[in-house]
Amino acid sequence: MAFHTSIANNIRKIRKEKNITQLDLALAIGHKSMSTIGKIEAGLENKHYNVEQLYKIAKVLEVDICDFFISHQKG
């Protein structure tokens, strides 16, 4: 799994566990729509989060930014 994909998957998992919608997350980090979040989570258009976005997302989700980098791969 690609590095950016792993981060996006971890964020999506945490976001869903906390019952936060893509739109709510997008608005909280300064986006006007959820399209960027949706594209990142879906792995479309080679989109990924930058460091500033990761910092903001960690604050919104109330987690340590390191949680986004934990690998859940088996093997």
PDB file of N, CA and C in Angstrom:
ATOM      1  N   MET A   1       0.855  -1.182   0.000  1.00  0.00           N
ATOM      2  CA  MET A   1       0.000   0.000   0.000  1.00  0.00           C
ATOM      3  C   MET A   1       0.894   1.237   0.000  1.00  0.00           C
ATOM      4  N   ALA A   2       0.538   2.197  -0.809  1.00  0.00           N
ATOM      5  CA  ALA A   2       1.311   3.433  -0.910  1.00  0.00           C
ATOM      6  C   ALA A   2       1.233   4.228   0.393  1.00  0.00           C
ATOM      7  N   PHE A   3       2.283   4.966   0.656  1.00  0.00           N
ATOM      8  CA  PHE A   3       2.382   5.767   1.878  1.00  0.00           C
ATOM      9  C   PHE A   3       1.185   6.700   2.045  1.00  0.00           C
ATOM     10  N   HIS A   4       0.856   7.474   1.001  1.00  0.00           N
ATOM     11  CA  HIS A   4      -0.259   8.423   1.093  1.00  0.00           C
ATOM     12  C   HIS A   4      -1.593   7.706   1.269  1.00  0.00           C
ATOM     13  N   THR A   5      -1.733   6.545   0.642  1.00  0.00           N
ATOM     14  CA  THR A   5      -2.965   5.770   0.770  1.00  0.00           C
ATOM     15  C   THR A   5      -3.145   5.289   2.200  1.00  0.00           C
ATOM     16  N   SER A   6      -2.069   4.848   2.815  1.00  0.00           N
ATOM     17  CA  SER A   6      -2.122   4.388   4.200  1.00  0.00           C
ATOM     18  C   SER A   6      -2.554   5.516   5.136  1.00  0.00           C
ATOM     19  N   ILE A   7      -2.002   6.696   4.940  1.00  0.00           N
ATOM     20  CA  ILE A   7      -2.381   7.858   5.757  1.00  0.00           C
ATOM     21  C   ILE A   7      -3.856   8.185   5.555  1.00  0.00           C
ATOM     22  N   ALA A   8      -4.299   8.240   4.302  1.00  0.00           N
ATOM     23  CA  ALA A   8      -5.703   8.559   4.005  1.00  0.00           C
ATOM     24  C   ALA A   8      -6.633   7.524   4.627  1.00  0.00           C
ATOM     25  N   ASN A   9      -6.257   6.251   4.560  1.00  0.00           N
ATOM     26  CA  ASN A   9      -7.084   5.198   5.152  1.00  0.00           C
ATOM     27  C   ASN A   9      -7.165   5.341   6.666  1.00  0.00           C
ATOM     28  N   ASN A  10      -6.048   5.666   7.301  1.00  0.00           N
ATOM     29  CA  ASN A  10      -6.050   5.862   8.752  1.00  0.00           C
ATOM     30  C   ASN A  10      -6.934   7.042   9.144  1.00  0.00           C
ATOM     31  N   ILE A  11      -6.849   8.129   8.401  1.00  0.00           N
ATOM     32  CA  ILE A  11      -7.675   9.300   8.701  1.00  0.00           C
ATOM     33  C   ILE A  11      -9.146   8.966   8.508  1.00  0.00           C
ATOM     34  N   ARG A  12      -9.479   8.284   7.410  1.00  0.00           N
ATOM     35  CA  ARG A  12     -10.876   7.908   7.166  1.00  0.00           C
ATOM     36  C   ARG A  12     -11.401   7.037   8.304  1.00  0.00           C
ATOM     37  N   LYS A  13     -10.595   6.051   8.737  1.00  0.00           N
ATOM     38  CA  LYS A  13     -11.011   5.161   9.824  1.00  0.00           C
ATOM     39  C   LYS A  13     -11.290   5.952  11.103  1.00  0.00           C
ATOM     40  N   ILE A  14     -10.384   6.824  11.478  1.00  0.00           N
ATOM     41  CA  ILE A  14     -10.554   7.631  12.692  1.00  0.00           C
ATOM     42  C   ILE A  14     -11.745   8.569  12.540  1.00  0.00           C
ATOM     43  N   ARG A  15     -11.870   9.197  11.368  1.00  0.00           N
ATOM     44  CA  ARG A  15     -12.981  10.123  11.111  1.00  0.00           C
ATOM     45  C   ARG A  15     -14.317   9.412  11.290  1.00  0.00           C
ATOM     46  N   LYS A  16     -14.432   8.212  10.729  1.00  0.00           N
ATOM     47  CA  LYS A  16     -15.683   7.457  10.834  1.00  0.00           C
ATOM     48  C   LYS A  16     -15.947   7.013  12.272  1.00  0.00           C
ATOM     49  N   GLU A  17     -14.898   6.598  12.987  1.00  0.00           N
ATOM     50  CA  GLU A  17     -15.049   6.199  14.392  1.00  0.00           C
ATOM     51  C   GLU A  17     -15.593   7.343  15.234  1.00  0.00           C
ATOM     52  N   LYS A  18     -15.244   8.564  14.856  1.00  0.00           N
ATOM     53  CA  LYS A  18     -15.672   9.744  15.611  1.00  0.00           C
ATOM     54  C   LYS A  18     -16.941  10.370  15.028  1.00  0.00           C
ATOM     55  N   ASN A  19     -17.542   9.686  14.049  1.00  0.00           N
ATOM     56  CA  ASN A  19     -18.788  10.140  13.418  1.00  0.00           C
ATOM     57  C   ASN A  19     -18.681  11.554  12.855  1.00  0.00           C
ATOM     58  N   ILE A  20     -17.567  11.832  12.198  1.00  0.00           N
ATOM     59  CA  ILE A  20     -17.359  13.127  11.550  1.00  0.00           C
ATOM     60  C   ILE A  20     -17.471  12.919  10.047  1.00  0.00           C
ATOM     61  N   THR A  21     -18.307  13.710   9.397  1.00  0.00           N
ATOM     62  CA  THR A  21     -18.495  13.571   7.954  1.00  0.00           C
ATOM     63  C   THR A  21     -17.326  14.189   7.197  1.00  0.00           C
ATOM     64  N   GLN A  22     -17.225  13.821   5.927  1.00  0.00           N
ATOM     65  CA  GLN A  22     -16.208  14.437   5.073  1.00  0.00           C
ATOM     66  C   GLN A  22     -16.428  15.945   5.011  1.00  0.00           C
ATOM     67  N   LEU A  23     -17.683  16.361   4.924  1.00  0.00           N
ATOM     68  CA  LEU A  23     -17.983  17.794   4.849  1.00  0.00           C
ATOM     69  C   LEU A  23     -17.557  18.503   6.129  1.00  0.00           C
ATOM     70  N   ASP A  24     -17.890  17.938   7.278  1.00  0.00           N
ATOM     71  CA  ASP A  24     -17.502  18.563   8.550  1.00  0.00           C
ATOM     72  C   ASP A  24     -15.984  18.680   8.671  1.00  0.00           C
ATOM     73  N   LEU A  25     -15.274  17.635   8.266  1.00  0.00           N
ATOM     74  CA  LEU A  25     -13.813  17.672   8.320  1.00  0.00           C
ATOM     75  C   LEU A  25     -13.271  18.719   7.359  1.00  0.00           C
ATOM     76  N   ALA A  26     -13.804  18.742   6.152  1.00  0.00           N
ATOM     77  CA  ALA A  26     -13.353  19.716   5.151  1.00  0.00           C
ATOM     78  C   ALA A  26     -13.531  21.142   5.659  1.00  0.00           C
ATOM     79  N   LEU A  27     -14.709  21.440   6.187  1.00  0.00           N
ATOM     80  CA  LEU A  27     -14.977  22.791   6.690  1.00  0.00           C
ATOM     81  C   LEU A  27     -14.060  23.134   7.864  1.00  0.00           C
ATOM     82  N   ALA A  28     -13.806  22.159   8.726  1.00  0.00           N
ATOM     83  CA  ALA A  28     -12.969  22.399   9.906  1.00  0.00           C
ATOM     84  C   ALA A  28     -11.518  22.708   9.546  1.00  0.00           C
ATOM     85  N   ILE A  29     -11.049  22.204   8.393  1.00  0.00           N
ATOM     86  CA  ILE A  29      -9.658  22.472   8.009  1.00  0.00           C
ATOM     87  C   ILE A  29      -9.558  23.568   6.956  1.00  0.00           C
ATOM     88  N   GLY A  30     -10.690  24.230   6.674  1.00  0.00           N
ATOM     89  CA  GLY A  30     -10.640  25.400   5.813  1.00  0.00           C
ATOM     90  C   GLY A  30     -11.030  25.203   4.364  1.00  0.00           C
ATOM     91  N   HIS A  31     -11.593  24.046   4.026  1.00  0.00           N
ATOM     92  CA  HIS A  31     -12.080  23.828   2.664  1.00  0.00           C
ATOM     93  C   HIS A  31     -13.556  24.191   2.599  1.00  0.00           C
ATOM     94  N   LYS A  32     -14.023  24.595   1.436  1.00  0.00           N
ATOM     95  CA  LYS A  32     -15.422  24.984   1.285  1.00  0.00           C
ATOM     96  C   LYS A  32     -16.316  23.813   0.890  1.00  0.00           C
ATOM     97  N   SER A  33     -15.720  22.706   0.469  1.00  0.00           N
ATOM     98  CA  SER A  33     -16.506  21.527   0.109  1.00  0.00           C
ATOM     99  C   SER A  33     -15.753  20.270   0.506  1.00  0.00           C
ATOM    100  N   MET A  34     -16.455  19.153   0.418  1.00  0.00           N
ATOM    101  CA  MET A  34     -15.850  17.884   0.807  1.00  0.00           C
ATOM    102  C   MET A  34     -15.134  17.200  -0.347  1.00  0.00           C
ATOM    103  N   SER A  35     -15.123  17.798  -1.526  1.00  0.00           N
ATOM    104  CA  SER A  35     -14.571  17.111  -2.697  1.00  0.00           C
ATOM    105  C   SER A  35     -13.099  16.741  -2.526  1.00  0.00           C
ATOM    106  N   THR A  36     -12.306  17.608  -1.932  1.00  0.00           N
ATOM    107  CA  THR A  36     -10.889  17.289  -1.738  1.00  0.00           C
ATOM    108  C   THR A  36     -10.727  16.108  -0.790  1.00  0.00           C
ATOM    109  N   ILE A  37     -11.461  16.110   0.311  1.00  0.00           N
ATOM    110  CA  ILE A  37     -11.393  15.009   1.273  1.00  0.00           C
ATOM    111  C   ILE A  37     -11.820  13.712   0.592  1.00  0.00           C
ATOM    112  N   GLY A  38     -12.910  13.772  -0.161  1.00  0.00           N
ATOM    113  CA  GLY A  38     -13.403  12.594  -0.866  1.00  0.00           C
ATOM    114  C   GLY A  38     -12.398  12.049  -1.861  1.00  0.00           C
ATOM    115  N   LYS A  39     -11.758  12.935  -2.604  1.00  0.00           N
ATOM    116  CA  LYS A  39     -10.764  12.504  -3.595  1.00  0.00           C
ATOM    117  C   LYS A  39      -9.545  11.884  -2.920  1.00  0.00           C
ATOM    118  N   ILE A  40      -9.122  12.460  -1.802  1.00  0.00           N
ATOM    119  CA  ILE A  40      -7.970  11.907  -1.084  1.00  0.00           C
ATOM    120  C   ILE A  40      -8.314  10.521  -0.546  1.00  0.00           C
ATOM    121  N   GLU A  41      -9.480  10.395   0.083  1.00  0.00           N
ATOM    122  CA  GLU A  41      -9.873   9.109   0.652  1.00  0.00           C
ATOM    123  C   GLU A  41     -10.062   8.050  -0.431  1.00  0.00           C
ATOM    124  N   ALA A  42     -10.506   8.457  -1.609  1.00  0.00           N
ATOM    125  CA  ALA A  42     -10.725   7.518  -2.713  1.00  0.00           C
ATOM    126  C   ALA A  42      -9.459   7.263  -3.525  1.00  0.00           C
ATOM    127  N   GLY A  43      -8.412   8.021  -3.266  1.00  0.00           N
ATOM    128  CA  GLY A  43      -7.168   7.866  -4.011  1.00  0.00           C
ATOM    129  C   GLY A  43      -7.247   8.393  -5.433  1.00  0.00           C
ATOM    130  N   LEU A  44      -8.082   9.395  -5.653  1.00  0.00           N
ATOM    131  CA  LEU A  44      -8.273   9.952  -6.989  1.00  0.00           C
ATOM    132  C   LEU A  44      -7.357  11.137  -7.264  1.00  0.00           C
ATOM    133  N   GLU A  45      -7.026  11.306  -8.523  1.00  0.00           N
ATOM    134  CA  GLU A  45      -6.298  12.478  -9.021  1.00  0.00           C
ATOM    135  C   GLU A  45      -4.969  12.725  -8.305  1.00  0.00           C
ATOM    136  N   ASN A  46      -4.374  11.662  -7.773  1.00  0.00           N
ATOM    137  CA  ASN A  46      -3.081  11.790  -7.093  1.00  0.00           C
ATOM    138  C   ASN A  46      -3.104  12.861  -5.997  1.00  0.00           C
ATOM    139  N   LYS A  47      -4.242  12.998  -5.330  1.00  0.00           N
ATOM    140  CA  LYS A  47      -4.392  13.975  -4.246  1.00  0.00           C
ATOM    141  C   LYS A  47      -3.921  13.356  -2.939  1.00  0.00           C
ATOM    142  N   HIS A  48      -3.327  14.178  -2.082  1.00  0.00           N
ATOM    143  CA  HIS A  48      -2.953  13.738  -0.750  1.00  0.00           C
ATOM    144  C   HIS A  48      -2.861  14.951   0.178  1.00  0.00           C
ATOM    145  N   TYR A  49      -2.836  14.665   1.485  1.00  0.00           N
ATOM    146  CA  TYR A  49      -2.779  15.723   2.488  1.00  0.00           C
ATOM    147  C   TYR A  49      -1.373  16.298   2.586  1.00  0.00           C
ATOM    148  N   ASN A  50      -1.297  17.612   2.866  1.00  0.00           N
ATOM    149  CA  ASN A  50       0.006  18.206   3.162  1.00  0.00           C
ATOM    150  C   ASN A  50       0.173  18.256   4.687  1.00  0.00           C
ATOM    151  N   VAL A  51       1.325  18.650   5.149  1.00  0.00           N
ATOM    152  CA  VAL A  51       1.625  18.635   6.585  1.00  0.00           C
ATOM    153  C   VAL A  51       0.681  19.550   7.363  1.00  0.00           C
ATOM    154  N   GLU A  52       0.389  20.720   6.826  1.00  0.00           N
ATOM    155  CA  GLU A  52      -0.525  21.640   7.511  1.00  0.00           C
ATOM    156  C   GLU A  52      -1.910  21.018   7.653  1.00  0.00           C
ATOM    157  N   GLN A  53      -2.393  20.362   6.607  1.00  0.00           N
ATOM    158  CA  GLN A  53      -3.698  19.712   6.676  1.00  0.00           C
ATOM    159  C   GLN A  53      -3.685  18.584   7.701  1.00  0.00           C
ATOM    160  N   LEU A  54      -2.615  17.802   7.730  1.00  0.00           N
ATOM    161  CA  LEU A  54      -2.515  16.719   8.713  1.00  0.00           C
ATOM    162  C   LEU A  54      -2.563  17.259  10.136  1.00  0.00           C
ATOM    163  N   TYR A  55      -1.881  18.372  10.372  1.00  0.00           N
ATOM    164  CA  TYR A  55      -1.893  19.001  11.697  1.00  0.00           C
ATOM    165  C   TYR A  55      -3.317  19.424  12.074  1.00  0.00           C
ATOM    166  N   LYS A  56      -3.999  20.090  11.145  1.00  0.00           N
ATOM    167  CA  LYS A  56      -5.369  20.549  11.405  1.00  0.00           C
ATOM    168  C   LYS A  56      -6.316  19.374  11.628  1.00  0.00           C
ATOM    169  N   ILE A  57      -6.168  18.336  10.820  1.00  0.00           N
ATOM    170  CA  ILE A  57      -7.029  17.161  10.953  1.00  0.00           C
ATOM    171  C   ILE A  57      -6.811  16.493  12.306  1.00  0.00           C
ATOM    172  N   ALA A  58      -5.575  16.392  12.743  1.00  0.00           N
ATOM    173  CA  ALA A  58      -5.282  15.804  14.053  1.00  0.00           C
ATOM    174  C   ALA A  58      -5.981  16.583  15.163  1.00  0.00           C
ATOM    175  N   LYS A  59      -5.981  17.900  15.058  1.00  0.00           N
ATOM    176  CA  LYS A  59      -6.655  18.730  16.066  1.00  0.00           C
ATOM    177  C   LYS A  59      -8.165  18.498  16.039  1.00  0.00           C
ATOM    178  N   VAL A  60      -8.746  18.461  14.842  1.00  0.00           N
ATOM    179  CA  VAL A  60     -10.192  18.259  14.703  1.00  0.00           C
ATOM    180  C   VAL A  60     -10.595  16.884  15.247  1.00  0.00           C
ATOM    181  N   LEU A  61      -9.813  15.860  14.919  1.00  0.00           N
ATOM    182  CA  LEU A  61     -10.140  14.499  15.338  1.00  0.00           C
ATOM    183  C   LEU A  61      -9.682  14.195  16.762  1.00  0.00           C
ATOM    184  N   GLU A  62      -8.957  15.141  17.363  1.00  0.00           N
ATOM    185  CA  GLU A  62      -8.455  15.003  18.731  1.00  0.00           C
ATOM    186  C   GLU A  62      -7.586  13.753  18.889  1.00  0.00           C
ATOM    187  N   VAL A  63      -6.632  13.613  17.953  1.00  0.00           N
ATOM    188  CA  VAL A  63      -5.675  12.510  18.003  1.00  0.00           C
ATOM    189  C   VAL A  63      -4.275  13.071  17.801  1.00  0.00           C
ATOM    190  N   ASP A  64      -3.285  12.257  18.102  1.00  0.00           N
ATOM    191  CA  ASP A  64      -1.899  12.625  17.826  1.00  0.00           C
ATOM    192  C   ASP A  64      -1.647  12.438  16.335  1.00  0.00           C
ATOM    193  N   ILE A  65      -0.962  13.364  15.721  1.00  0.00           N
ATOM    194  CA  ILE A  65      -0.686  13.281  14.285  1.00  0.00           C
ATOM    195  C   ILE A  65       0.030  11.972  13.932  1.00  0.00           C
ATOM    196  N   CYS A  66       0.764  11.410  14.873  1.00  0.00           N
ATOM    197  CA  CYS A  66       1.472  10.140  14.638  1.00  0.00           C
ATOM    198  C   CYS A  66       0.504   8.992  14.344  1.00  0.00           C
ATOM    199  N   ASP A  67      -0.729   9.103  14.830  1.00  0.00           N
ATOM    200  CA  ASP A  67      -1.723   8.056  14.583  1.00  0.00           C
ATOM    201  C   ASP A  67      -1.991   7.860  13.095  1.00  0.00           C
ATOM    202  N   PHE A  68      -1.758   8.878  12.302  1.00  0.00           N
ATOM    203  CA  PHE A  68      -1.995   8.782  10.862  1.00  0.00           C
ATOM    204  C   PHE A  68      -0.934   7.938  10.163  1.00  0.00           C
ATOM    205  N   PHE A  69       0.210   7.753  10.805  1.00  0.00           N
ATOM    206  CA  PHE A  69       1.343   7.075  10.178  1.00  0.00           C
ATOM    207  C   PHE A  69       1.516   5.626  10.621  1.00  0.00           C
ATOM    208  N   ILE A  70       0.607   5.136  11.453  1.00  0.00           N
ATOM    209  CA  ILE A  70       0.683   3.764  11.942  1.00  0.00           C
ATOM    210  C   ILE A  70       0.266   2.819  10.825  1.00  0.00           C
ATOM    211  N   SER A  71       1.094   1.835  10.578  1.00  0.00           N
ATOM    212  CA  SER A  71       0.791   0.852   9.537  1.00  0.00           C
ATOM    213  C   SER A  71      -0.053  -0.266  10.128  1.00  0.00           C
ATOM    214  N   HIS A  72      -1.130  -0.584   9.440  1.00  0.00           N
ATOM    215  CA  HIS A  72      -2.011  -1.665   9.879  1.00  0.00           C
ATOM    216  C   HIS A  72      -1.898  -2.864   8.949  1.00  0.00           C
ATOM    217  N   GLN A  73      -0.809  -2.925   8.202  1.00  0.00           N
ATOM    218  CA  GLN A  73      -0.601  -4.039   7.278  1.00  0.00           C
ATOM    219  C   GLN A  73      -0.216  -5.289   8.045  1.00  0.00           C
ATOM    220  N   LYS A  74      -0.667  -6.413   7.535  1.00  0.00           N
ATOM    221  CA  LYS A  74      -0.300  -7.698   8.126  1.00  0.00           C
ATOM    222  C   LYS A  74       0.771  -8.329   7.262  1.00  0.00           C
ATOM    223  N   GLY A  75       1.668  -9.049   7.919  1.00  0.00           N
ATOM    224  CA  GLY A  75       2.650  -9.780   7.141  1.00  0.00           C
ATOM    225  C   GLY A  75       4.020  -9.395   7.368  1.00  0.00           C
TER     226      GLY A  75
END
